Amino acid sequence: DKRDGMSREGSGRVAVYKLTGLIRSYTLECNYNSGRLVNTVPARVRDGNNKPQGHMFTPPKYTPTVFEE
């Protein structure tokens, strides 16, 4: 809304539209926060392997060193 100084002109979607002409696009938003819990993903039904995973990967705390990698 241009009345409050906030417009969409600076958004990535507008820039991609102007550059490519794509009318429909999706925006993926992500962050680098890591929670204390990691959800398990169940095996696909057609795999036939419904054994629980023994070891769950816990993401590292994001520090400047990890982010630079």
PDB file of N, CA and C in Angstrom:
ATOM      1  N   ASP A   1       0.856  -1.178   0.000  1.00  0.00           N
ATOM      2  CA  ASP A   1       0.000   0.000   0.000  1.00  0.00           C
ATOM      3  C   ASP A   1       0.893   1.228   0.000  1.00  0.00           C
ATOM      4  N   LYS A   2       0.777   2.040  -1.010  1.00  0.00           N
ATOM      5  CA  LYS A   2       1.649   3.202  -1.128  1.00  0.00           C
ATOM      6  C   LYS A   2       1.295   4.309  -0.148  1.00  0.00           C
ATOM      7  N   ARG A   3       0.117   4.248   0.447  1.00  0.00           N
ATOM      8  CA  ARG A   3      -0.264   5.292   1.396  1.00  0.00           C
ATOM      9  C   ARG A   3       0.612   5.266   2.641  1.00  0.00           C
ATOM     10  N   ASP A   4       1.027   4.078   3.069  1.00  0.00           N
ATOM     11  CA  ASP A   4       1.859   3.996   4.269  1.00  0.00           C
ATOM     12  C   ASP A   4       3.338   3.780   3.934  1.00  0.00           C
ATOM     13  N   GLY A   5       3.708   3.976   2.680  1.00  0.00           N
ATOM     14  CA  GLY A   5       5.097   3.850   2.280  1.00  0.00           C
ATOM     15  C   GLY A   5       5.556   2.425   2.036  1.00  0.00           C
ATOM     16  N   MET A   6       4.663   1.465   2.192  1.00  0.00           N
ATOM     17  CA  MET A   6       5.020   0.063   1.993  1.00  0.00           C
ATOM     18  C   MET A   6       4.402  -0.404   0.679  1.00  0.00           C
ATOM     19  N   SER A   7       5.212  -0.598  -0.336  1.00  0.00           N
ATOM     20  CA  SER A   7       4.685  -1.101  -1.601  1.00  0.00           C
ATOM     21  C   SER A   7       5.371  -2.418  -1.929  1.00  0.00           C
ATOM     22  N   ARG A   8       4.854  -3.116  -2.907  1.00  0.00           N
ATOM     23  CA  ARG A   8       5.425  -4.397  -3.320  1.00  0.00           C
ATOM     24  C   ARG A   8       6.506  -4.216  -4.377  1.00  0.00           C
ATOM     25  N   GLU A   9       6.772  -3.000  -4.775  1.00  0.00           N
ATOM     26  CA  GLU A   9       7.727  -2.758  -5.852  1.00  0.00           C
ATOM     27  C   GLU A   9       9.121  -3.285  -5.530  1.00  0.00           C
ATOM     28  N   GLY A  10       9.492  -3.334  -4.266  1.00  0.00           N
ATOM     29  CA  GLY A  10      10.824  -3.804  -3.899  1.00  0.00           C
ATOM     30  C   GLY A  10      10.893  -5.286  -3.607  1.00  0.00           C
ATOM     31  N   SER A  11       9.783  -5.998  -3.768  1.00  0.00           N
ATOM     32  CA  SER A  11       9.791  -7.421  -3.427  1.00  0.00           C
ATOM     33  C   SER A  11      10.453  -8.240  -4.528  1.00  0.00           C
ATOM     34  N   GLY A  12      10.931  -9.404  -4.144  1.00  0.00           N
ATOM     35  CA  GLY A  12      11.559 -10.303  -5.107  1.00  0.00           C
ATOM     36  C   GLY A  12      10.596 -10.768  -6.171  1.00  0.00           C
ATOM     37  N   ARG A  13       9.326 -10.983  -5.793  1.00  0.00           N
ATOM     38  CA  ARG A  13       8.339 -11.448  -6.773  1.00  0.00           C
ATOM     39  C   ARG A  13       8.129 -10.419  -7.871  1.00  0.00           C
ATOM     40  N   VAL A  14       8.087  -9.142  -7.501  1.00  0.00           N
ATOM     41  CA  VAL A  14       7.901  -8.092  -8.508  1.00  0.00           C
ATOM     42  C   VAL A  14       9.122  -8.031  -9.416  1.00  0.00           C
ATOM     43  N   ALA A  15      10.312  -8.155  -8.846  1.00  0.00           N
ATOM     44  CA  ALA A  15      11.532  -8.122  -9.659  1.00  0.00           C
ATOM     45  C   ALA A  15      11.558  -9.287 -10.644  1.00  0.00           C
ATOM     46  N   VAL A  16      11.177 -10.494 -10.192  1.00  0.00           N
ATOM     47  CA  VAL A  16      11.149 -11.659 -11.084  1.00  0.00           C
ATOM     48  C   VAL A  16      10.101 -11.465 -12.170  1.00  0.00           C
ATOM     49  N   TYR A  17       8.932 -10.923 -11.807  1.00  0.00           N
ATOM     50  CA  TYR A  17       7.878 -10.672 -12.802  1.00  0.00           C
ATOM     51  C   TYR A  17       8.373  -9.700 -13.872  1.00  0.00           C
ATOM     52  N   LYS A  18       9.010  -8.624 -13.449  1.00  0.00           N
ATOM     53  CA  LYS A  18       9.482  -7.631 -14.415  1.00  0.00           C
ATOM     54  C   LYS A  18      10.588  -8.197 -15.303  1.00  0.00           C
ATOM     55  N   LEU A  19      11.407  -9.078 -14.748  1.00  0.00           N
ATOM     56  CA  LEU A  19      12.515  -9.646 -15.503  1.00  0.00           C
ATOM     57  C   LEU A  19      12.065 -10.746 -16.455  1.00  0.00           C
ATOM     58  N   THR A  20      11.109 -11.589 -16.010  1.00  0.00           N
ATOM     59  CA  THR A  20      10.738 -12.773 -16.791  1.00  0.00           C
ATOM     60  C   THR A  20       9.337 -12.729 -17.376  1.00  0.00           C
ATOM     61  N   GLY A  21       8.449 -11.912 -16.797  1.00  0.00           N
ATOM     62  CA  GLY A  21       7.069 -11.881 -17.255  1.00  0.00           C
ATOM     63  C   GLY A  21       6.213 -12.992 -16.673  1.00  0.00           C
ATOM     64  N   LEU A  22       6.754 -13.758 -15.719  1.00  0.00           N
ATOM     65  CA  LEU A  22       5.977 -14.831 -15.093  1.00  0.00           C
ATOM     66  C   LEU A  22       4.824 -14.242 -14.298  1.00  0.00           C
ATOM     67  N   ILE A  23       3.619 -14.700 -14.583  1.00  0.00           N
ATOM     68  CA  ILE A  23       2.445 -14.193 -13.879  1.00  0.00           C
ATOM     69  C   ILE A  23       2.254 -14.921 -12.560  1.00  0.00           C
ATOM     70  N   ARG A  24       2.436 -16.235 -12.579  1.00  0.00           N
ATOM     71  CA  ARG A  24       2.249 -17.030 -11.359  1.00  0.00           C
ATOM     72  C   ARG A  24       3.598 -17.571 -10.898  1.00  0.00           C
ATOM     73  N   SER A  25       3.895 -17.366  -9.644  1.00  0.00           N
ATOM     74  CA  SER A  25       5.134 -17.894  -9.083  1.00  0.00           C
ATOM     75  C   SER A  25       4.921 -18.179  -7.605  1.00  0.00           C
ATOM     76  N   TYR A  26       5.801 -18.967  -7.043  1.00  0.00           N
ATOM     77  CA  TYR A  26       5.740 -19.305  -5.629  1.00  0.00           C
ATOM     78  C   TYR A  26       6.936 -18.691  -4.920  1.00  0.00           C
ATOM     79  N   THR A  27       6.735 -18.319  -3.687  1.00  0.00           N
ATOM     80  CA  THR A  27       7.811 -17.779  -2.876  1.00  0.00           C
ATOM     81  C   THR A  27       8.116 -18.766  -1.767  1.00  0.00           C
ATOM     82  N   LEU A  28       9.363 -19.133  -1.630  1.00  0.00           N
ATOM     83  CA  LEU A  28       9.793 -20.026  -0.567  1.00  0.00           C
ATOM     84  C   LEU A  28      10.466 -19.180   0.498  1.00  0.00           C
ATOM     85  N   GLU A  29       9.917 -19.232   1.688  1.00  0.00           N
ATOM     86  CA  GLU A  29      10.500 -18.486   2.793  1.00  0.00           C
ATOM     87  C   GLU A  29      11.193 -19.464   3.720  1.00  0.00           C
ATOM     88  N   CYS A  30      12.407 -19.151   4.100  1.00  0.00           N
ATOM     89  CA  CYS A  30      13.124 -20.020   5.030  1.00  0.00           C
ATOM     90  C   CYS A  30      13.903 -19.167   6.019  1.00  0.00           C
ATOM     91  N   ASN A  31      14.279 -19.813   7.096  1.00  0.00           N
ATOM     92  CA  ASN A  31      15.096 -19.139   8.088  1.00  0.00           C
ATOM     93  C   ASN A  31      16.125 -20.118   8.620  1.00  0.00           C
ATOM     94  N   TYR A  32      16.987 -19.623   9.448  1.00  0.00           N
ATOM     95  CA  TYR A  32      18.070 -20.448   9.964  1.00  0.00           C
ATOM     96  C   TYR A  32      17.894 -20.753  11.444  1.00  0.00           C
ATOM     97  N   ASN A  33      16.675 -20.675  11.943  1.00  0.00           N
ATOM     98  CA  ASN A  33      16.411 -21.042  13.328  1.00  0.00           C
ATOM     99  C   ASN A  33      16.398 -22.551  13.445  1.00  0.00           C
ATOM    100  N   SER A  34      16.944 -23.054  14.498  1.00  0.00           N
ATOM    101  CA  SER A  34      16.943 -24.494  14.742  1.00  0.00           C
ATOM    102  C   SER A  34      16.243 -24.762  16.056  1.00  0.00           C
ATOM    103  N   GLY A  35      15.278 -25.642  16.023  1.00  0.00           N
ATOM    104  CA  GLY A  35      14.560 -25.991  17.233  1.00  0.00           C
ATOM    105  C   GLY A  35      15.271 -27.077  18.010  1.00  0.00           C
ATOM    106  N   ARG A  36      14.774 -27.348  19.189  1.00  0.00           N
ATOM    107  CA  ARG A  36      15.357 -28.399  20.017  1.00  0.00           C
ATOM    108  C   ARG A  36      14.855 -29.775  19.614  1.00  0.00           C
ATOM    109  N   LEU A  37      13.727 -29.841  18.919  1.00  0.00           N
ATOM    110  CA  LEU A  37      13.147 -31.115  18.529  1.00  0.00           C
ATOM    111  C   LEU A  37      13.225 -31.284  17.017  1.00  0.00           C
ATOM    112  N   VAL A  38      13.427 -32.515  16.593  1.00  0.00           N
ATOM    113  CA  VAL A  38      13.447 -32.829  15.170  1.00  0.00           C
ATOM    114  C   VAL A  38      12.317 -33.808  14.910  1.00  0.00           C
ATOM    115  N   ASN A  39      11.426 -33.470  13.986  1.00  0.00           N
ATOM    116  CA  ASN A  39      10.308 -34.355  13.656  1.00  0.00           C
ATOM    117  C   ASN A  39      10.798 -35.522  12.810  1.00  0.00           C
ATOM    118  N   THR A  40      10.196 -36.674  13.036  1.00  0.00           N
ATOM    119  CA  THR A  40      10.520 -37.829  12.211  1.00  0.00           C
ATOM    120  C   THR A  40       9.610 -37.838  10.994  1.00  0.00           C
ATOM    121  N   VAL A  41      10.118 -38.356   9.906  1.00  0.00           N
ATOM    122  CA  VAL A  41       9.338 -38.476   8.684  1.00  0.00           C
ATOM    123  C   VAL A  41       9.012 -39.951   8.511  1.00  0.00           C
ATOM    124  N   PRO A  42       7.720 -40.301   8.478  1.00  0.00           N
ATOM    125  CA  PRO A  42       7.376 -41.720   8.342  1.00  0.00           C
ATOM    126  C   PRO A  42       7.773 -42.250   6.966  1.00  0.00           C
ATOM    127  N   ALA A  43       8.058 -43.547   6.916  1.00  0.00           N
ATOM    128  CA  ALA A  43       8.411 -44.180   5.645  1.00  0.00           C
ATOM    129  C   ALA A  43       7.201 -44.177   4.723  1.00  0.00           C
ATOM    130  N   ARG A  44       7.470 -44.160   3.426  1.00  0.00           N
ATOM    131  CA  ARG A  44       6.376 -44.232   2.468  1.00  0.00           C
ATOM    132  C   ARG A  44       5.701 -45.583   2.596  1.00  0.00           C
ATOM    133  N   VAL A  45       4.418 -45.631   2.336  1.00  0.00           N
ATOM    134  CA  VAL A  45       3.660 -46.875   2.474  1.00  0.00           C
ATOM    135  C   VAL A  45       4.177 -47.928   1.512  1.00  0.00           C
ATOM    136  N   ARG A  46       4.500 -47.557   0.294  1.00  0.00           N
ATOM    137  CA  ARG A  46       4.920 -48.545  -0.698  1.00  0.00           C
ATOM    138  C   ARG A  46       6.329 -49.083  -0.438  1.00  0.00           C
ATOM    139  N   ASP A  47       7.086 -48.456   0.483  1.00  0.00           N
ATOM    140  CA  ASP A  47       8.412 -48.970   0.814  1.00  0.00           C
ATOM    141  C   ASP A  47       8.332 -50.305   1.538  1.00  0.00           C
ATOM    142  N   GLY A  48       7.304 -50.487   2.351  1.00  0.00           N
ATOM    143  CA  GLY A  48       7.183 -51.702   3.132  1.00  0.00           C
ATOM    144  C   GLY A  48       8.161 -51.752   4.289  1.00  0.00           C
ATOM    145  N   ASN A  49       8.913 -50.697   4.482  1.00  0.00           N
ATOM    146  CA  ASN A  49       9.892 -50.641   5.564  1.00  0.00           C
ATOM    147  C   ASN A  49       9.412 -49.606   6.569  1.00  0.00           C
ATOM    148  N   ASN A  50       8.698 -50.040   7.568  1.00  0.00           N
ATOM    149  CA  ASN A  50       8.140 -49.119   8.550  1.00  0.00           C
ATOM    150  C   ASN A  50       8.933 -49.119   9.849  1.00  0.00           C
ATOM    151  N   LYS A  51      10.206 -49.516   9.784  1.00  0.00           N
ATOM    152  CA  LYS A  51      11.037 -49.510  10.978  1.00  0.00           C
ATOM    153  C   LYS A  51      11.355 -48.068  11.357  1.00  0.00           C
ATOM    154  N   PRO A  52      11.292 -47.742  12.648  1.00  0.00           N
ATOM    155  CA  PRO A  52      11.656 -46.384  13.050  1.00  0.00           C
ATOM    156  C   PRO A  52      13.150 -46.141  12.837  1.00  0.00           C
ATOM    157  N   GLN A  53      13.485 -44.934  12.520  1.00  0.00           N
ATOM    158  CA  GLN A  53      14.883 -44.577  12.326  1.00  0.00           C
ATOM    159  C   GLN A  53      15.605 -44.599  13.667  1.00  0.00           C
ATOM    160  N   GLY A  54      16.788 -45.198  13.711  1.00  0.00           N
ATOM    161  CA  GLY A  54      17.526 -45.309  14.956  1.00  0.00           C
ATOM    162  C   GLY A  54      18.194 -44.015  15.374  1.00  0.00           C
ATOM    163  N   HIS A  55      18.718 -43.256  14.439  1.00  0.00           N
ATOM    164  CA  HIS A  55      19.462 -42.047  14.775  1.00  0.00           C
ATOM    165  C   HIS A  55      18.836 -40.859  14.060  1.00  0.00           C
ATOM    166  N   MET A  56      18.510 -39.845  14.804  1.00  0.00           N
ATOM    167  CA  MET A  56      17.943 -38.628  14.215  1.00  0.00           C
ATOM    168  C   MET A  56      19.030 -37.560  14.164  1.00  0.00           C
ATOM    169  N   PHE A  57      19.165 -36.917  13.031  1.00  0.00           N
ATOM    170  CA  PHE A  57      20.128 -35.838  12.876  1.00  0.00           C
ATOM    171  C   PHE A  57      19.579 -34.585  13.533  1.00  0.00           C
ATOM    172  N   THR A  58      20.343 -34.006  14.417  1.00  0.00           N
ATOM    173  CA  THR A  58      19.968 -32.740  15.030  1.00  0.00           C
ATOM    174  C   THR A  58      20.831 -31.663  14.394  1.00  0.00           C
ATOM    175  N   PRO A  59      20.212 -30.648  13.793  1.00  0.00           N
ATOM    176  CA  PRO A  59      21.005 -29.622  13.115  1.00  0.00           C
ATOM    177  C   PRO A  59      21.866 -28.853  14.107  1.00  0.00           C
ATOM    178  N   PRO A  60      23.019 -28.362  13.655  1.00  0.00           N
ATOM    179  CA  PRO A  60      23.899 -27.613  14.558  1.00  0.00           C
ATOM    180  C   PRO A  60      23.324 -26.238  14.858  1.00  0.00           C
ATOM    181  N   LYS A  61      23.780 -25.649  15.944  1.00  0.00           N
ATOM    182  CA  LYS A  61      23.438 -24.255  16.226  1.00  0.00           C
ATOM    183  C   LYS A  61      24.105 -23.404  15.146  1.00  0.00           C
ATOM    184  N   TYR A  62      23.376 -22.470  14.596  1.00  0.00           N
ATOM    185  CA  TYR A  62      23.943 -21.641  13.542  1.00  0.00           C
ATOM    186  C   TYR A  62      24.786 -20.539  14.154  1.00  0.00           C
ATOM    187  N   THR A  63      26.048 -20.577  13.826  1.00  0.00           N
ATOM    188  CA  THR A  63      27.007 -19.560  14.227  1.00  0.00           C
ATOM    189  C   THR A  63      27.545 -18.942  12.941  1.00  0.00           C
ATOM    190  N   PRO A  64      28.260 -17.845  13.020  1.00  0.00           N
ATOM    191  CA  PRO A  64      28.826 -17.283  11.791  1.00  0.00           C
ATOM    192  C   PRO A  64      29.678 -18.292  11.017  1.00  0.00           C
ATOM    193  N   THR A  65      30.410 -19.159  11.727  1.00  0.00           N
ATOM    194  CA  THR A  65      31.242 -20.157  11.055  1.00  0.00           C
ATOM    195  C   THR A  65      30.390 -21.154  10.285  1.00  0.00           C
ATOM    196  N   VAL A  66      29.324 -21.667  10.904  1.00  0.00           N
ATOM    197  CA  VAL A  66      28.439 -22.623  10.239  1.00  0.00           C
ATOM    198  C   VAL A  66      27.755 -21.955   9.053  1.00  0.00           C
ATOM    199  N   PHE A  67      27.308 -20.719   9.226  1.00  0.00           N
ATOM    200  CA  PHE A  67      26.626 -20.001   8.155  1.00  0.00           C
ATOM    201  C   PHE A  67      27.557 -19.799   6.961  1.00  0.00           C
ATOM    202  N   GLU A  68      28.835 -19.530   7.209  1.00  0.00           N
ATOM    203  CA  GLU A  68      29.791 -19.298   6.123  1.00  0.00           C
ATOM    204  C   GLU A  68      30.062 -20.557   5.316  1.00  0.00           C
ATOM    205  N   GLU A  69      29.904 -21.733   5.944  1.00  0.00           N
ATOM    206  CA  GLU A  69      30.144 -22.984   5.229  1.00  0.00           C
ATOM    207  C   GLU A  69      29.079 -23.180   4.189  1.00  0.00           C
TER     208      GLU A  69
END
